[in-house]
Amino acid sequence: MSERPVGEVTQLLRAAGGGDPKAAADLLPLVYAELRKLAKARMAKTPPGNTLQPTALVHDAYVRLVGSDDPSWDSRGHFFGAAAVAMRRILVEQARRKASRKHGGGRKRVDLDDVEPAVEPPSEEMLALDDALTRLEEADPRQAKIVMLRYFAGLTNEEIAETLGVSSRTVEREWRFARAFLFTWLSKPNAEV
């Protein structure tokens, strides 16, 4: 594949956001490998038995991104941030479906100190993470964006800094605070899912 101009992805993102179907078709091959890599990294953290595959996650996220009403992406980082949000939503929706009563979600919580250790279903972990991220977003929206861009989109501190218009040191500092917040929230013994 020939070397692409640096701004081509951004130009295609803007055109696709404006409803140009050709731009959306041209964009997919340029971002697919990177989206697949991000999805595979997210899916690697889920225990065996998960029915959603990285390819399906990428396709669902891409359809949501390109099909959204005038997203007006202004950069590659902004697009991958939006992809991170879309992937998070898809994973949370899947976790909620699996946790529904139909799928055994009516089970009662049991204190693990009273029973033999058991493996928790992945859906509870995803729902707990989503709840913690929602709380973080209420407390500090920029820190929540940093977590989304780093964890779900796999961006580096420098890419996050460029996307958010802040310094890398600010990203590093806020990443530390966000991790501490999430750790504290997820460590609550009676955290509701």
C-alpha atoms as a PDB file:
ATOM      1  CA  MET A   1       0.000   0.000   0.000  1.00  0.00           C
ATOM      2  CA  SER A   2       1.438   3.419  -0.870  1.00  0.00           C
ATOM      3  CA  GLU A   3       2.259   6.009   1.751  1.00  0.00           C
ATOM      4  CA  ARG A   4      -0.756   8.225   2.495  1.00  0.00           C
ATOM      5  CA  PRO A   5      -0.557  11.981   3.165  1.00  0.00           C
ATOM      6  CA  VAL A   6      -0.754  12.766   6.872  1.00  0.00           C
ATOM      7  CA  GLY A   7      -4.026  14.710   6.647  1.00  0.00           C
ATOM      8  CA  GLU A   8      -5.847  12.221   4.408  1.00  0.00           C
ATOM      9  CA  VAL A   9      -7.476  10.380   7.315  1.00  0.00           C
ATOM     10  CA  THR A  10      -8.678  13.671   8.805  1.00  0.00           C
ATOM     11  CA  GLN A  11     -10.042  14.815   5.420  1.00  0.00           C
ATOM     12  CA  LEU A  12     -11.875  11.516   4.936  1.00  0.00           C
ATOM     13  CA  LEU A  13     -13.197  11.691   8.511  1.00  0.00           C
ATOM     14  CA  ARG A  14     -14.681  15.127   7.853  1.00  0.00           C
ATOM     15  CA  ALA A  15     -16.184  14.048   4.535  1.00  0.00           C
ATOM     16  CA  ALA A  16     -17.630  10.847   6.050  1.00  0.00           C
ATOM     17  CA  GLY A  17     -19.031  12.890   8.919  1.00  0.00           C
ATOM     18  CA  GLY A  18     -20.689  15.113   6.339  1.00  0.00           C
ATOM     19  CA  GLY A  19     -22.480  12.105   4.860  1.00  0.00           C
ATOM     20  CA  ASP A  20     -20.185  11.290   1.920  1.00  0.00           C
ATOM     21  CA  PRO A  21     -20.571   7.501   1.430  1.00  0.00           C
ATOM     22  CA  LYS A  22     -17.447   7.288  -0.775  1.00  0.00           C
ATOM     23  CA  ALA A  23     -15.353   8.896   1.969  1.00  0.00           C
ATOM     24  CA  ALA A  24     -16.743   6.414   4.505  1.00  0.00           C
ATOM     25  CA  ALA A  25     -15.820   3.540   2.187  1.00  0.00           C
ATOM     26  CA  ASP A  26     -12.322   4.968   1.585  1.00  0.00           C
ATOM     27  CA  LEU A  27     -11.807   5.561   5.306  1.00  0.00           C
ATOM     28  CA  LEU A  28     -12.392   2.002   6.491  1.00  0.00           C
ATOM     29  CA  PRO A  29      -9.260   0.455   4.940  1.00  0.00           C
ATOM     30  CA  LEU A  30      -7.135   3.263   6.410  1.00  0.00           C
ATOM     31  CA  VAL A  31      -8.344   2.837   9.996  1.00  0.00           C
ATOM     32  CA  TYR A  32      -9.455  -0.803  10.055  1.00  0.00           C
ATOM     33  CA  ALA A  33      -6.142  -2.337  11.137  1.00  0.00           C
ATOM     34  CA  GLU A  34      -5.764   0.108  13.992  1.00  0.00           C
ATOM     35  CA  LEU A  35      -9.389  -0.324  15.126  1.00  0.00           C
ATOM     36  CA  ARG A  36      -8.977  -4.111  14.979  1.00  0.00           C
ATOM     37  CA  LYS A  37      -5.824  -3.873  17.084  1.00  0.00           C
ATOM     38  CA  LEU A  38      -7.702  -1.782  19.683  1.00  0.00           C
ATOM     39  CA  ALA A  39     -10.661  -4.171  19.701  1.00  0.00           C
ATOM     40  CA  LYS A  40      -8.396  -7.190  20.040  1.00  0.00           C
ATOM     41  CA  ALA A  41      -6.642  -5.568  23.008  1.00  0.00           C
ATOM     42  CA  ARG A  42     -10.000  -4.861  24.678  1.00  0.00           C
ATOM     43  CA  MET A  43     -11.292  -8.364  23.981  1.00  0.00           C
ATOM     44  CA  ALA A  44      -8.096  -9.987  25.323  1.00  0.00           C
ATOM     45  CA  LYS A  45      -9.058  -8.675  28.757  1.00  0.00           C
ATOM     46  CA  THR A  46     -12.370 -10.522  28.774  1.00  0.00           C
ATOM     47  CA  PRO A  47     -12.469 -14.077  30.140  1.00  0.00           C
ATOM     48  CA  PRO A  48     -13.086 -17.054  27.834  1.00  0.00           C
ATOM     49  CA  GLY A  49     -16.644 -17.661  26.766  1.00  0.00           C
ATOM     50  CA  ASN A  50     -17.247 -14.176  25.435  1.00  0.00           C
ATOM     51  CA  THR A  51     -19.278 -14.430  22.245  1.00  0.00           C
ATOM     52  CA  LEU A  52     -18.321 -11.048  20.784  1.00  0.00           C
ATOM     53  CA  GLN A  53     -15.289 -11.184  18.492  1.00  0.00           C
ATOM     54  CA  PRO A  54     -12.890  -8.270  17.772  1.00  0.00           C
ATOM     55  CA  THR A  55     -14.022  -8.127  14.137  1.00  0.00           C
ATOM     56  CA  ALA A  56     -17.663  -7.754  15.167  1.00  0.00           C
ATOM     57  CA  LEU A  57     -16.717  -5.106  17.737  1.00  0.00           C
ATOM     58  CA  VAL A  58     -14.827  -3.112  15.070  1.00  0.00           C
ATOM     59  CA  HIS A  59     -17.689  -3.358  12.575  1.00  0.00           C
ATOM     60  CA  ASP A  60     -20.331  -2.360  15.129  1.00  0.00           C
ATOM     61  CA  ALA A  61     -18.209   0.559  16.340  1.00  0.00           C
ATOM     62  CA  TYR A  62     -17.466   1.711  12.777  1.00  0.00           C
ATOM     63  CA  VAL A  63     -21.140   1.607  11.798  1.00  0.00           C
ATOM     64  CA  ARG A  64     -21.995   3.707  14.845  1.00  0.00           C
ATOM     65  CA  LEU A  65     -19.235   6.192  14.076  1.00  0.00           C
ATOM     66  CA  VAL A  66     -19.936   6.682  10.400  1.00  0.00           C
ATOM     67  CA  GLY A  67     -23.694   6.528  10.864  1.00  0.00           C
ATOM     68  CA  SER A  68     -23.813   9.179  13.596  1.00  0.00           C
ATOM     69  CA  ASP A  69     -25.273  12.601  12.848  1.00  0.00           C
ATOM     70  CA  ASP A  70     -22.518  15.045  11.843  1.00  0.00           C
ATOM     71  CA  PRO A  71     -19.772  14.006  14.259  1.00  0.00           C
ATOM     72  CA  SER A  72     -17.395  16.603  12.724  1.00  0.00           C
ATOM     73  CA  TRP A  73     -14.191  14.892  13.771  1.00  0.00           C
ATOM     74  CA  ASP A  74     -11.325  17.334  13.794  1.00  0.00           C
ATOM     75  CA  SER A  75      -8.429  14.882  14.045  1.00  0.00           C
ATOM     76  CA  ARG A  76      -7.356  11.277  14.003  1.00  0.00           C
ATOM     77  CA  GLY A  77      -7.214  11.308  17.816  1.00  0.00           C
ATOM     78  CA  HIS A  78     -10.765  12.621  18.002  1.00  0.00           C
ATOM     79  CA  PHE A  79     -11.945   9.804  15.730  1.00  0.00           C
ATOM     80  CA  PHE A  80     -10.194   7.127  17.800  1.00  0.00           C
ATOM     81  CA  GLY A  81     -11.609   8.704  20.956  1.00  0.00           C
ATOM     82  CA  ALA A  82     -15.068   8.364  19.454  1.00  0.00           C
ATOM     83  CA  ALA A  83     -14.199   4.771  18.506  1.00  0.00           C
ATOM     84  CA  ALA A  84     -13.224   4.115  22.130  1.00  0.00           C
ATOM     85  CA  VAL A  85     -16.578   5.436  23.333  1.00  0.00           C
ATOM     86  CA  ALA A  86     -18.424   3.318  20.747  1.00  0.00           C
ATOM     87  CA  MET A  87     -16.502   0.171  21.762  1.00  0.00           C
ATOM     88  CA  ARG A  88     -17.168   0.851  25.433  1.00  0.00           C
ATOM     89  CA  ARG A  89     -20.891   1.248  24.762  1.00  0.00           C
ATOM     90  CA  ILE A  90     -21.025  -1.960  22.735  1.00  0.00           C
ATOM     91  CA  LEU A  91     -19.210  -3.922  25.453  1.00  0.00           C
ATOM     92  CA  VAL A  92     -21.439  -2.454  28.171  1.00  0.00           C
ATOM     93  CA  GLU A  93     -24.582  -3.229  26.156  1.00  0.00           C
ATOM     94  CA  GLN A  94     -23.398  -6.810  25.719  1.00  0.00           C
ATOM     95  CA  ALA A  95     -22.632  -7.073  29.445  1.00  0.00           C
ATOM     96  CA  ARG A  96     -26.092  -5.729  30.326  1.00  0.00           C
ATOM     97  CA  ARG A  97     -27.748  -8.208  27.975  1.00  0.00           C
ATOM     98  CA  LYS A  98     -25.862 -11.077  29.567  1.00  0.00           C
ATOM     99  CA  ALA A  99     -26.656  -9.801  33.053  1.00  0.00           C
ATOM    100  CA  SER A 100     -30.375  -9.564  32.362  1.00  0.00           C
ATOM    101  CA  ARG A 101     -32.720 -11.957  34.188  1.00  0.00           C
ATOM    102  CA  LYS A 102     -33.043 -14.027  31.027  1.00  0.00           C
ATOM    103  CA  HIS A 103     -29.311 -14.708  31.199  1.00  0.00           C
ATOM    104  CA  GLY A 104     -29.135 -15.351  34.938  1.00  0.00           C
ATOM    105  CA  GLY A 105     -28.818 -11.726  36.019  1.00  0.00           C
ATOM    106  CA  GLY A 106     -31.346 -12.226  38.823  1.00  0.00           C
ATOM    107  CA  ARG A 107     -28.736 -13.962  40.959  1.00  0.00           C
ATOM    108  CA  LYS A 108     -28.095 -12.600  44.417  1.00  0.00           C
ATOM    109  CA  ARG A 109     -24.719 -11.301  45.509  1.00  0.00           C
ATOM    110  CA  VAL A 110     -22.924 -13.518  47.978  1.00  0.00           C
ATOM    111  CA  ASP A 111     -20.054 -12.456  50.218  1.00  0.00           C
ATOM    112  CA  LEU A 112     -17.058 -14.394  48.905  1.00  0.00           C
ATOM    113  CA  ASP A 113     -15.616 -14.659  52.414  1.00  0.00           C
ATOM    114  CA  ASP A 114     -18.427 -17.118  53.182  1.00  0.00           C
ATOM    115  CA  VAL A 115     -17.964 -19.382  50.147  1.00  0.00           C
ATOM    116  CA  GLU A 116     -15.275 -20.939  48.026  1.00  0.00           C
ATOM    117  CA  PRO A 117     -13.769 -18.517  45.487  1.00  0.00           C
ATOM    118  CA  ALA A 118     -15.705 -18.400  42.230  1.00  0.00           C
ATOM    119  CA  VAL A 119     -15.003 -16.800  38.884  1.00  0.00           C
ATOM    120  CA  GLU A 120     -17.083 -13.656  38.375  1.00  0.00           C
ATOM    121  CA  PRO A 121     -18.795 -13.324  35.019  1.00  0.00           C
ATOM    122  CA  PRO A 122     -17.153 -10.757  32.747  1.00  0.00           C
ATOM    123  CA  SER A 123     -20.353  -8.755  32.434  1.00  0.00           C
ATOM    124  CA  GLU A 124     -20.248  -7.684  36.086  1.00  0.00           C
ATOM    125  CA  GLU A 125     -16.704  -6.423  35.675  1.00  0.00           C
ATOM    126  CA  MET A 126     -17.648  -4.410  32.589  1.00  0.00           C
ATOM    127  CA  LEU A 127     -20.728  -2.984  34.295  1.00  0.00           C
ATOM    128  CA  ALA A 128     -18.678  -2.051  37.381  1.00  0.00           C
ATOM    129  CA  LEU A 129     -16.081  -0.362  35.163  1.00  0.00           C
ATOM    130  CA  ASP A 130     -18.803   1.493  33.259  1.00  0.00           C
ATOM    131  CA  ASP A 131     -20.329   2.669  36.537  1.00  0.00           C
ATOM    132  CA  ALA A 132     -16.931   3.826  37.801  1.00  0.00           C
ATOM    133  CA  LEU A 133     -16.233   5.670  34.529  1.00  0.00           C
ATOM    134  CA  THR A 134     -19.633   7.350  34.729  1.00  0.00           C
ATOM    135  CA  ARG A 135     -18.822   8.515  38.282  1.00  0.00           C
ATOM    136  CA  LEU A 136     -15.410   9.765  37.139  1.00  0.00           C
ATOM    137  CA  GLU A 137     -17.030  11.627  34.241  1.00  0.00           C
ATOM    138  CA  GLU A 138     -19.341  13.387  36.716  1.00  0.00           C
ATOM    139  CA  ALA A 139     -16.388  14.307  38.945  1.00  0.00           C
ATOM    140  CA  ASP A 140     -13.883  15.226  36.214  1.00  0.00           C
ATOM    141  CA  PRO A 141     -14.858  14.937  32.534  1.00  0.00           C
ATOM    142  CA  ARG A 142     -11.313  15.436  31.243  1.00  0.00           C
ATOM    143  CA  GLN A 143      -9.938  12.624  33.399  1.00  0.00           C
ATOM    144  CA  ALA A 144     -12.716  10.362  32.111  1.00  0.00           C
ATOM    145  CA  LYS A 145     -11.753  11.260  28.524  1.00  0.00           C
ATOM    146  CA  ILE A 146      -8.125  10.418  29.310  1.00  0.00           C
ATOM    147  CA  VAL A 147      -9.161   6.989  30.598  1.00  0.00           C
ATOM    148  CA  MET A 148     -11.329   6.390  27.526  1.00  0.00           C
ATOM    149  CA  LEU A 149      -8.604   7.436  25.103  1.00  0.00           C
ATOM    150  CA  ARG A 150      -5.937   5.424  26.870  1.00  0.00           C
ATOM    151  CA  TYR A 151      -7.859   2.293  27.870  1.00  0.00           C
ATOM    152  CA  PHE A 152     -10.385   1.910  25.063  1.00  0.00           C
ATOM    153  CA  ALA A 153      -8.621   3.685  22.188  1.00  0.00           C
ATOM    154  CA  GLY A 154      -5.059   2.716  23.138  1.00  0.00           C
ATOM    155  CA  LEU A 155      -3.665   6.195  22.484  1.00  0.00           C
ATOM    156  CA  THR A 156      -0.319   7.261  23.961  1.00  0.00           C
ATOM    157  CA  ASN A 157      -0.012  10.154  26.414  1.00  0.00           C
ATOM    158  CA  GLU A 158       1.308  12.347  23.596  1.00  0.00           C
ATOM    159  CA  GLU A 159      -1.638  11.497  21.319  1.00  0.00           C
ATOM    160  CA  ILE A 160      -4.076  12.128  24.167  1.00  0.00           C
ATOM    161  CA  ALA A 161      -2.407  15.462  24.936  1.00  0.00           C
ATOM    162  CA  GLU A 162      -2.716  16.501  21.287  1.00  0.00           C
ATOM    163  CA  THR A 163      -6.360  15.402  21.133  1.00  0.00           C
ATOM    164  CA  LEU A 164      -7.308  17.260  24.317  1.00  0.00           C
ATOM    165  CA  GLY A 165      -5.073  20.289  23.723  1.00  0.00           C
ATOM    166  CA  VAL A 166      -3.094  19.887  26.957  1.00  0.00           C
ATOM    167  CA  SER A 167       0.506  18.985  27.808  1.00  0.00           C
ATOM    168  CA  SER A 168       1.758  15.411  28.168  1.00  0.00           C
ATOM    169  CA  ARG A 169       2.586  16.142  31.812  1.00  0.00           C
ATOM    170  CA  THR A 170      -1.043  17.127  32.426  1.00  0.00           C
ATOM    171  CA  VAL A 171      -2.175  13.855  30.853  1.00  0.00           C
ATOM    172  CA  GLU A 172       0.294  11.869  33.005  1.00  0.00           C
ATOM    173  CA  ARG A 173      -0.828  13.644  36.193  1.00  0.00           C
ATOM    174  CA  GLU A 174      -4.539  13.270  35.446  1.00  0.00           C
ATOM    175  CA  TRP A 175      -4.057   9.628  34.404  1.00  0.00           C
ATOM    176  CA  ARG A 176      -2.583   8.923  37.867  1.00  0.00           C
ATOM    177  CA  PHE A 177      -5.529  10.647  39.593  1.00  0.00           C
ATOM    178  CA  ALA A 178      -8.059   8.874  37.354  1.00  0.00           C
ATOM    179  CA  ARG A 179      -6.491   5.461  38.051  1.00  0.00           C
ATOM    180  CA  ALA A 180      -6.600   6.150  41.790  1.00  0.00           C
ATOM    181  CA  PHE A 181     -10.248   7.226  41.542  1.00  0.00           C
ATOM    182  CA  LEU A 182     -11.211   4.123  39.569  1.00  0.00           C
ATOM    183  CA  PHE A 183      -9.257   1.818  41.866  1.00  0.00           C
ATOM    184  CA  THR A 184     -10.956   3.315  44.916  1.00  0.00           C
ATOM    185  CA  TRP A 185     -14.404   3.088  43.309  1.00  0.00           C
ATOM    186  CA  LEU A 186     -13.921  -0.480  42.077  1.00  0.00           C
ATOM    187  CA  SER A 187     -12.513  -1.570  45.453  1.00  0.00           C
ATOM    188  CA  LYS A 188     -15.669  -0.607  47.346  1.00  0.00           C
ATOM    189  CA  PRO A 189     -16.876  -3.820  48.990  1.00  0.00           C
ATOM    190  CA  ASN A 190     -20.567  -3.168  48.302  1.00  0.00           C
ATOM    191  CA  ALA A 191     -20.278  -1.342  44.984  1.00  0.00           C
ATOM    192  CA  GLU A 192     -23.549  -1.701  43.106  1.00  0.00           C
ATOM    193  CA  VAL A 193     -23.252  -2.934  39.548  1.00  0.00           C
END
